[in-house]
Amino acid sequence: MTPEQLRMARNALRLGVRDLAELSGVSFTTVSRFETGKGGLQHTTAEAMRKALEVRGIQFLEAGQVALGSGVAIAKERDSQDV
């Protein structure tokens, strides 16, 4: 799971950082630092957040996978000049 995937999933469910922290049992600081690219995650921490989102309907995809429903995806990497 990338920081972008986490942020998109959380926003799709209209959850705040604090909400996701509470639902997953992960600290607010850990969620915030990961989403902003200022820290990594241990496997168990990533799984806790992922499961908290998946039970609420989120499906995480890797490149080439097809979604089970409608949604959005990051089509390509972009740099700041693309904005």
PDB file of N, CA and C in Angstrom:
ATOM      1  N   MET A   1       0.849  -1.170   0.000  1.00  0.00           N
ATOM      2  CA  MET A   1       0.000   0.000   0.000  1.00  0.00           C
ATOM      3  C   MET A   1       0.894   1.232   0.000  1.00  0.00           C
ATOM      4  N   THR A   2       0.573   2.154  -0.904  1.00  0.00           N
ATOM      5  CA  THR A   2       1.341   3.393  -0.977  1.00  0.00           C
ATOM      6  C   THR A   2       0.648   4.486  -0.167  1.00  0.00           C
ATOM      7  N   PRO A   3       1.370   5.555   0.158  1.00  0.00           N
ATOM      8  CA  PRO A   3       0.718   6.675   0.838  1.00  0.00           C
ATOM      9  C   PRO A   3      -0.474   7.215   0.041  1.00  0.00           C
ATOM     10  N   GLU A   4      -0.335   7.256  -1.282  1.00  0.00           N
ATOM     11  CA  GLU A   4      -1.419   7.754  -2.126  1.00  0.00           C
ATOM     12  C   GLU A   4      -2.643   6.847  -2.050  1.00  0.00           C
ATOM     13  N   GLN A   5      -2.418   5.533  -2.087  1.00  0.00           N
ATOM     14  CA  GLN A   5      -3.534   4.587  -1.980  1.00  0.00           C
ATOM     15  C   GLN A   5      -4.254   4.752  -0.642  1.00  0.00           C
ATOM     16  N   LEU A   6      -3.484   4.887   0.416  1.00  0.00           N
ATOM     17  CA  LEU A   6      -4.085   5.034   1.742  1.00  0.00           C
ATOM     18  C   LEU A   6      -4.925   6.300   1.809  1.00  0.00           C
ATOM     19  N   ARG A   7      -4.373   7.405   1.338  1.00  0.00           N
ATOM     20  CA  ARG A   7      -5.085   8.680   1.369  1.00  0.00           C
ATOM     21  C   ARG A   7      -6.367   8.611   0.522  1.00  0.00           C
ATOM     22  N   MET A   8      -6.267   8.031  -0.681  1.00  0.00           N
ATOM     23  CA  MET A   8      -7.444   7.910  -1.547  1.00  0.00           C
ATOM     24  C   MET A   8      -8.516   7.032  -0.904  1.00  0.00           C
ATOM     25  N   ALA A   9      -8.111   5.929  -0.315  1.00  0.00           N
ATOM     26  CA  ALA A   9      -9.058   5.012   0.326  1.00  0.00           C
ATOM     27  C   ALA A   9      -9.751   5.686   1.504  1.00  0.00           C
ATOM     28  N   ARG A  10      -8.977   6.356   2.311  1.00  0.00           N
ATOM     29  CA  ARG A  10      -9.533   7.041   3.481  1.00  0.00           C
ATOM     30  C   ARG A  10     -10.518   8.121   3.048  1.00  0.00           C
ATOM     31  N   ASN A  11     -10.139   8.894   2.034  1.00  0.00           N
ATOM     32  CA  ASN A  11     -11.016   9.960   1.550  1.00  0.00           C
ATOM     33  C   ASN A  11     -12.274   9.414   0.887  1.00  0.00           C
ATOM     34  N   ALA A  12     -12.169   8.282   0.196  1.00  0.00           N
ATOM     35  CA  ALA A  12     -13.344   7.676  -0.437  1.00  0.00           C
ATOM     36  C   ALA A  12     -14.404   7.320   0.603  1.00  0.00           C
ATOM     37  N   LEU A  13     -13.954   6.967   1.783  1.00  0.00           N
ATOM     38  CA  LEU A  13     -14.872   6.617   2.867  1.00  0.00           C
ATOM     39  C   LEU A  13     -15.218   7.812   3.750  1.00  0.00           C
ATOM     40  N   ARG A  14     -14.678   8.965   3.379  1.00  0.00           N
ATOM     41  CA  ARG A  14     -14.883  10.202   4.146  1.00  0.00           C
ATOM     42  C   ARG A  14     -14.433  10.056   5.596  1.00  0.00           C
ATOM     43  N   LEU A  15     -13.289   9.414   5.754  1.00  0.00           N
ATOM     44  CA  LEU A  15     -12.695   9.248   7.079  1.00  0.00           C
ATOM     45  C   LEU A  15     -11.567  10.243   7.257  1.00  0.00           C
ATOM     46  N   GLY A  16     -11.463  10.808   8.431  1.00  0.00           N
ATOM     47  CA  GLY A  16     -10.320  11.637   8.761  1.00  0.00           C
ATOM     48  C   GLY A  16      -9.167  10.751   9.215  1.00  0.00           C
ATOM     49  N   VAL A  17      -7.994  11.350   9.327  1.00  0.00           N
ATOM     50  CA  VAL A  17      -6.822  10.606   9.795  1.00  0.00           C
ATOM     51  C   VAL A  17      -7.095  10.028  11.176  1.00  0.00           C
ATOM     52  N   ARG A  18      -7.692  10.830  12.027  1.00  0.00           N
ATOM     53  CA  ARG A  18      -7.999  10.375  13.391  1.00  0.00           C
ATOM     54  C   ARG A  18      -8.989   9.204  13.371  1.00  0.00           C
ATOM     55  N   ASP A  19      -9.970   9.271  12.469  1.00  0.00           N
ATOM     56  CA  ASP A  19     -10.945   8.178  12.343  1.00  0.00           C
ATOM     57  C   ASP A  19     -10.254   6.870  11.981  1.00  0.00           C
ATOM     58  N   LEU A  20      -9.387   6.927  10.952  1.00  0.00           N
ATOM     59  CA  LEU A  20      -8.680   5.715  10.533  1.00  0.00           C
ATOM     60  C   LEU A  20      -7.782   5.201  11.647  1.00  0.00           C
ATOM     61  N   ALA A  21      -7.138   6.099  12.357  1.00  0.00           N
ATOM     62  CA  ALA A  21      -6.276   5.690  13.463  1.00  0.00           C
ATOM     63  C   ALA A  21      -7.082   4.903  14.496  1.00  0.00           C
ATOM     64  N   GLU A  22      -8.247   5.413  14.857  1.00  0.00           N
ATOM     65  CA  GLU A  22      -9.086   4.736  15.848  1.00  0.00           C
ATOM     66  C   GLU A  22      -9.598   3.390  15.338  1.00  0.00           C
ATOM     67  N   LEU A  23     -10.054   3.357  14.098  1.00  0.00           N
ATOM     68  CA  LEU A  23     -10.607   2.121  13.530  1.00  0.00           C
ATOM     69  C   LEU A  23      -9.571   1.017  13.379  1.00  0.00           C
ATOM     70  N   SER A  24      -8.329   1.406  13.133  1.00  0.00           N
ATOM     71  CA  SER A  24      -7.278   0.420  12.881  1.00  0.00           C
ATOM     72  C   SER A  24      -6.396   0.144  14.092  1.00  0.00           C
ATOM     73  N   GLY A  25      -6.537   0.956  15.139  1.00  0.00           N
ATOM     74  CA  GLY A  25      -5.687   0.774  16.311  1.00  0.00           C
ATOM     75  C   GLY A  25      -4.260   1.252  16.098  1.00  0.00           C
ATOM     76  N   VAL A  26      -4.090   2.150  15.134  1.00  0.00           N
ATOM     77  CA  VAL A  26      -2.776   2.713  14.803  1.00  0.00           C
ATOM     78  C   VAL A  26      -2.778   4.161  15.271  1.00  0.00           C
ATOM     79  N   SER A  27      -1.645   4.677  15.688  1.00  0.00           N
ATOM     80  CA  SER A  27      -1.616   6.047  16.187  1.00  0.00           C
ATOM     81  C   SER A  27      -1.858   7.064  15.072  1.00  0.00           C
ATOM     82  N   PHE A  28      -2.448   8.192  15.444  1.00  0.00           N
ATOM     83  CA  PHE A  28      -2.680   9.305  14.523  1.00  0.00           C
ATOM     84  C   PHE A  28      -1.372   9.710  13.857  1.00  0.00           C
ATOM     85  N   THR A  29      -0.314   9.805  14.640  1.00  0.00           N
ATOM     86  CA  THR A  29       0.990  10.223  14.118  1.00  0.00           C
ATOM     87  C   THR A  29       1.496   9.269  13.051  1.00  0.00           C
ATOM     88  N   THR A  30       1.343   7.975  13.266  1.00  0.00           N
ATOM     89  CA  THR A  30       1.803   6.982  12.291  1.00  0.00           C
ATOM     90  C   THR A  30       1.051   7.118  10.977  1.00  0.00           C
ATOM     91  N   VAL A  31      -0.276   7.239  11.038  1.00  0.00           N
ATOM     92  CA  VAL A  31      -1.078   7.401   9.821  1.00  0.00           C
ATOM     93  C   VAL A  31      -0.661   8.671   9.096  1.00  0.00           C
ATOM     94  N   SER A  32      -0.574   9.760   9.824  1.00  0.00           N
ATOM     95  CA  SER A  32      -0.230  11.047   9.232  1.00  0.00           C
ATOM     96  C   SER A  32       1.158  11.039   8.594  1.00  0.00           C
ATOM     97  N   ARG A  33       2.133  10.500   9.300  1.00  0.00           N
ATOM     98  CA  ARG A  33       3.499  10.465   8.770  1.00  0.00           C
ATOM     99  C   ARG A  33       3.583   9.602   7.512  1.00  0.00           C
ATOM    100  N   PHE A  34       2.896   8.476   7.492  1.00  0.00           N
ATOM    101  CA  PHE A  34       2.937   7.620   6.311  1.00  0.00           C
ATOM    102  C   PHE A  34       2.282   8.312   5.117  1.00  0.00           C
ATOM    103  N   GLU A  35       1.115   8.904   5.335  1.00  0.00           N
ATOM    104  CA  GLU A  35       0.406   9.564   4.235  1.00  0.00           C
ATOM    105  C   GLU A  35       1.197  10.720   3.638  1.00  0.00           C
ATOM    106  N   THR A  36       1.999  11.376   4.437  1.00  0.00           N
ATOM    107  CA  THR A  36       2.774  12.513   3.938  1.00  0.00           C
ATOM    108  C   THR A  36       4.170  12.114   3.491  1.00  0.00           C
ATOM    109  N   GLY A  37       4.457  10.820   3.512  1.00  0.00           N
ATOM    110  CA  GLY A  37       5.752  10.343   3.036  1.00  0.00           C
ATOM    111  C   GLY A  37       6.896  10.564   3.999  1.00  0.00           C
ATOM    112  N   LYS A  38       6.578  10.806   5.255  1.00  0.00           N
ATOM    113  CA  LYS A  38       7.613  11.082   6.256  1.00  0.00           C
ATOM    114  C   LYS A  38       7.951   9.880   7.118  1.00  0.00           C
ATOM    115  N   GLY A  39       7.405   8.727   6.788  1.00  0.00           N
ATOM    116  CA  GLY A  39       7.696   7.526   7.562  1.00  0.00           C
ATOM    117  C   GLY A  39       7.162   6.292   6.873  1.00  0.00           C
ATOM    118  N   GLY A  40       7.779   5.175   7.148  1.00  0.00           N
ATOM    119  CA  GLY A  40       7.336   3.898   6.604  1.00  0.00           C
ATOM    120  C   GLY A  40       6.408   3.207   7.579  1.00  0.00           C
ATOM    121  N   LEU A  41       6.036   1.984   7.241  1.00  0.00           N
ATOM    122  CA  LEU A  41       5.143   1.202   8.096  1.00  0.00           C
ATOM    123  C   LEU A  41       5.691  -0.191   8.307  1.00  0.00           C
ATOM    124  N   GLN A  42       5.497  -0.714   9.503  1.00  0.00           N
ATOM    125  CA  GLN A  42       5.761  -2.125   9.732  1.00  0.00           C
ATOM    126  C   GLN A  42       4.621  -2.907   9.082  1.00  0.00           C
ATOM    127  N   HIS A  43       4.896  -4.142   8.716  1.00  0.00           N
ATOM    128  CA  HIS A  43       3.901  -4.966   8.027  1.00  0.00           C
ATOM    129  C   HIS A  43       2.597  -5.061   8.822  1.00  0.00           C
ATOM    130  N   THR A  44       2.691  -5.282  10.120  1.00  0.00           N
ATOM    131  CA  THR A  44       1.479  -5.438  10.939  1.00  0.00           C
ATOM    132  C   THR A  44       0.670  -4.144  10.995  1.00  0.00           C
ATOM    133  N   THR A  45       1.341  -3.011  10.988  1.00  0.00           N
ATOM    134  CA  THR A  45       0.661  -1.715  11.005  1.00  0.00           C
ATOM    135  C   THR A  45      -0.072  -1.487   9.691  1.00  0.00           C
ATOM    136  N   ALA A  46       0.594  -1.774   8.580  1.00  0.00           N
ATOM    137  CA  ALA A  46      -0.025  -1.624   7.258  1.00  0.00           C
ATOM    138  C   ALA A  46      -1.243  -2.530   7.135  1.00  0.00           C
ATOM    139  N   GLU A  47      -1.123  -3.758   7.612  1.00  0.00           N
ATOM    140  CA  GLU A  47      -2.235  -4.712   7.543  1.00  0.00           C
ATOM    141  C   GLU A  47      -3.420  -4.248   8.380  1.00  0.00           C
ATOM    142  N   ALA A  48      -3.161  -3.669   9.543  1.00  0.00           N
ATOM    143  CA  ALA A  48      -4.248  -3.186  10.397  1.00  0.00           C
ATOM    144  C   ALA A  48      -5.032  -2.080   9.695  1.00  0.00           C
ATOM    145  N   MET A  49      -4.326  -1.157   9.056  1.00  0.00           N
ATOM    146  CA  MET A  49      -5.005  -0.077   8.341  1.00  0.00           C
ATOM    147  C   MET A  49      -5.729  -0.611   7.112  1.00  0.00           C
ATOM    148  N   ARG A  50      -5.066  -1.488   6.395  1.00  0.00           N
ATOM    149  CA  ARG A  50      -5.664  -2.075   5.186  1.00  0.00           C
ATOM    150  C   ARG A  50      -6.966  -2.811   5.516  1.00  0.00           C
ATOM    151  N   LYS A  51      -6.938  -3.638   6.555  1.00  0.00           N
ATOM    152  CA  LYS A  51      -8.130  -4.396   6.951  1.00  0.00           C
ATOM    153  C   LYS A  51      -9.259  -3.475   7.397  1.00  0.00           C
ATOM    154  N   ALA A  52      -8.917  -2.409   8.128  1.00  0.00           N
ATOM    155  CA  ALA A  52      -9.932  -1.458   8.579  1.00  0.00           C
ATOM    156  C   ALA A  52     -10.639  -0.809   7.394  1.00  0.00           C
ATOM    157  N   LEU A  53      -9.925  -0.599   6.310  1.00  0.00           N
ATOM    158  CA  LEU A  53     -10.514  -0.004   5.109  1.00  0.00           C
ATOM    159  C   LEU A  53     -11.238  -1.043   4.257  1.00  0.00           C
ATOM    160  N   GLU A  54     -10.664  -2.228   4.141  1.00  0.00           N
ATOM    161  CA  GLU A  54     -11.274  -3.277   3.312  1.00  0.00           C
ATOM    162  C   GLU A  54     -12.624  -3.738   3.856  1.00  0.00           C
ATOM    163  N   VAL A  55     -12.772  -3.832   5.172  1.00  0.00           N
ATOM    164  CA  VAL A  55     -14.063  -4.257   5.728  1.00  0.00           C
ATOM    165  C   VAL A  55     -15.147  -3.209   5.491  1.00  0.00           C
ATOM    166  N   ARG A  56     -14.735  -2.007   5.117  1.00  0.00           N
ATOM    167  CA  ARG A  56     -15.672  -0.924   4.800  1.00  0.00           C
ATOM    168  C   ARG A  56     -15.862  -0.763   3.297  1.00  0.00           C
ATOM    169  N   GLY A  57     -15.342  -1.729   2.508  1.00  0.00           N
ATOM    170  CA  GLY A  57     -15.610  -1.750   1.077  1.00  0.00           C
ATOM    171  C   GLY A  57     -14.483  -1.342   0.151  1.00  0.00           C
ATOM    172  N   ILE A  58     -13.338  -0.980   0.684  1.00  0.00           N
ATOM    173  CA  ILE A  58     -12.205  -0.580  -0.156  1.00  0.00           C
ATOM    174  C   ILE A  58     -11.528  -1.817  -0.734  1.00  0.00           C
ATOM    175  N   GLN A  59     -11.133  -1.735  -1.995  1.00  0.00           N
ATOM    176  CA  GLN A  59     -10.360  -2.793  -2.652  1.00  0.00           C
ATOM    177  C   GLN A  59      -9.045  -2.181  -3.114  1.00  0.00           C
ATOM    178  N   PHE A  60      -7.940  -2.668  -2.599  1.00  0.00           N
ATOM    179  CA  PHE A  60      -6.623  -2.189  -3.015  1.00  0.00           C
ATOM    180  C   PHE A  60      -6.176  -2.975  -4.241  1.00  0.00           C
ATOM    181  N   LEU A  61      -5.649  -2.269  -5.234  1.00  0.00           N
ATOM    182  CA  LEU A  61      -5.228  -2.888  -6.488  1.00  0.00           C
ATOM    183  C   LEU A  61      -3.751  -2.645  -6.750  1.00  0.00           C
ATOM    184  N   GLU A  62      -3.135  -3.611  -7.365  1.00  0.00           N
ATOM    185  CA  GLU A  62      -1.779  -3.457  -7.878  1.00  0.00           C
ATOM    186  C   GLU A  62      -1.899  -3.167  -9.367  1.00  0.00           C
ATOM    187  N   ALA A  63      -0.839  -2.692  -9.984  1.00  0.00           N
ATOM    188  CA  ALA A  63      -0.850  -2.384 -11.413  1.00  0.00           C
ATOM    189  C   ALA A  63      -1.334  -3.594 -12.206  1.00  0.00           C
ATOM    190  N   GLY A  64      -2.295  -3.368 -13.096  1.00  0.00           N
ATOM    191  CA  GLY A  64      -2.815  -4.435 -13.944  1.00  0.00           C
ATOM    192  C   GLY A  64      -4.025  -5.161 -13.397  1.00  0.00           C
ATOM    193  N   GLN A  65      -4.310  -5.018 -12.106  1.00  0.00           N
ATOM    194  CA  GLN A  65      -5.486  -5.667 -11.533  1.00  0.00           C
ATOM    195  C   GLN A  65      -6.744  -4.906 -11.936  1.00  0.00           C
ATOM    196  N   VAL A  66      -7.870  -5.601 -11.946  1.00  0.00           N
ATOM    197  CA  VAL A  66      -9.149  -5.010 -12.312  1.00  0.00           C
ATOM    198  C   VAL A  66     -10.016  -4.896 -11.065  1.00  0.00           C
ATOM    199  N   ALA A  67     -10.675  -3.761 -10.924  1.00  0.00           N
ATOM    200  CA  ALA A  67     -11.540  -3.524  -9.773  1.00  0.00           C
ATOM    201  C   ALA A  67     -12.831  -4.322  -9.877  1.00  0.00           C
ATOM    202  N   LEU A  68     -13.398  -4.649  -8.737  1.00  0.00           N
ATOM    203  CA  LEU A  68     -14.677  -5.352  -8.686  1.00  0.00           C
ATOM    204  C   LEU A  68     -15.853  -4.389  -8.839  1.00  0.00           C
ATOM    205  N   GLY A  69     -15.596  -3.101  -8.715  1.00  0.00           N
ATOM    206  CA  GLY A  69     -16.646  -2.090  -8.842  1.00  0.00           C
ATOM    207  C   GLY A  69     -16.068  -0.806  -9.398  1.00  0.00           C
ATOM    208  N   SER A  70     -16.877   0.235  -9.431  1.00  0.00           N
ATOM    209  CA  SER A  70     -16.404   1.513  -9.951  1.00  0.00           C
ATOM    210  C   SER A  70     -15.450   2.161  -8.959  1.00  0.00           C
ATOM    211  N   GLY A  71     -14.632   3.067  -9.443  1.00  0.00           N
ATOM    212  CA  GLY A  71     -13.688   3.748  -8.571  1.00  0.00           C
ATOM    213  C   GLY A  71     -12.696   4.574  -9.350  1.00  0.00           C
ATOM    214  N   VAL A  72     -11.617   4.942  -8.700  1.00  0.00           N
ATOM    215  CA  VAL A  72     -10.552   5.716  -9.332  1.00  0.00           C
ATOM    216  C   VAL A  72      -9.239   4.991  -9.132  1.00  0.00           C
ATOM    217  N   ALA A  73      -8.290   5.300  -9.987  1.00  0.00           N
ATOM    218  CA  ALA A  73      -6.964   4.694  -9.885  1.00  0.00           C
ATOM    219  C   ALA A  73      -5.919   5.715 -10.302  1.00  0.00           C
ATOM    220  N   ILE A  74      -4.710   5.536  -9.845  1.00  0.00           N
ATOM    221  CA  ILE A  74      -3.597   6.374 -10.259  1.00  0.00           C
ATOM    222  C   ILE A  74      -3.052   5.764 -11.537  1.00  0.00           C
ATOM    223  N   ALA A  75      -3.207   6.468 -12.659  1.00  0.00           N
ATOM    224  CA  ALA A  75      -2.842   5.932 -13.965  1.00  0.00           C
ATOM    225  C   ALA A  75      -1.344   5.939 -14.208  1.00  0.00           C
ATOM    226  N   LYS A  76      -0.640   6.925 -13.682  1.00  0.00           N
ATOM    227  CA  LYS A  76       0.802   7.023 -13.906  1.00  0.00           C
ATOM    228  C   LYS A  76       1.413   7.875 -12.816  1.00  0.00           C
ATOM    229  N   GLU A  77       2.702   7.729 -12.667  1.00  0.00           N
ATOM    230  CA  GLU A  77       3.418   8.605 -11.751  1.00  0.00           C
ATOM    231  C   GLU A  77       3.495   9.975 -12.401  1.00  0.00           C
ATOM    232  N   ARG A  78       3.393  11.023 -11.626  1.00  0.00           N
ATOM    233  CA  ARG A  78       3.522  12.361 -12.190  1.00  0.00           C
ATOM    234  C   ARG A  78       4.481  13.161 -11.342  1.00  0.00           C
ATOM    235  N   ASP A  79       5.083  14.127 -11.958  1.00  0.00           N
ATOM    236  CA  ASP A  79       5.950  14.998 -11.176  1.00  0.00           C
ATOM    237  C   ASP A  79       5.238  16.325 -10.976  1.00  0.00           C
ATOM    238  N   SER A  80       5.811  17.185 -10.179  1.00  0.00           N
ATOM    239  CA  SER A  80       5.154  18.438  -9.813  1.00  0.00           C
ATOM    240  C   SER A  80       4.930  19.351 -11.011  1.00  0.00           C
ATOM    241  N   GLN A  81       5.641  19.147 -12.119  1.00  0.00           N
ATOM    242  CA  GLN A  81       5.472  19.984 -13.302  1.00  0.00           C
ATOM    243  C   GLN A  81       4.213  19.615 -14.079  1.00  0.00           C
ATOM    244  N   ASP A  82       3.635  18.451 -13.817  1.00  0.00           N
ATOM    245  CA  ASP A  82       2.411  18.032 -14.494  1.00  0.00           C
ATOM    246  C   ASP A  82       1.179  18.758 -13.968  1.00  0.00           C
ATOM    247  N   VAL A  83       1.306  19.431 -12.846  1.00  0.00           N
ATOM    248  CA  VAL A  83       0.150  20.064 -12.202  1.00  0.00           C
ATOM    249  C   VAL A  83      -0.214  21.350 -12.892  1.00  0.00           C
TER     250      VAL A  83
END
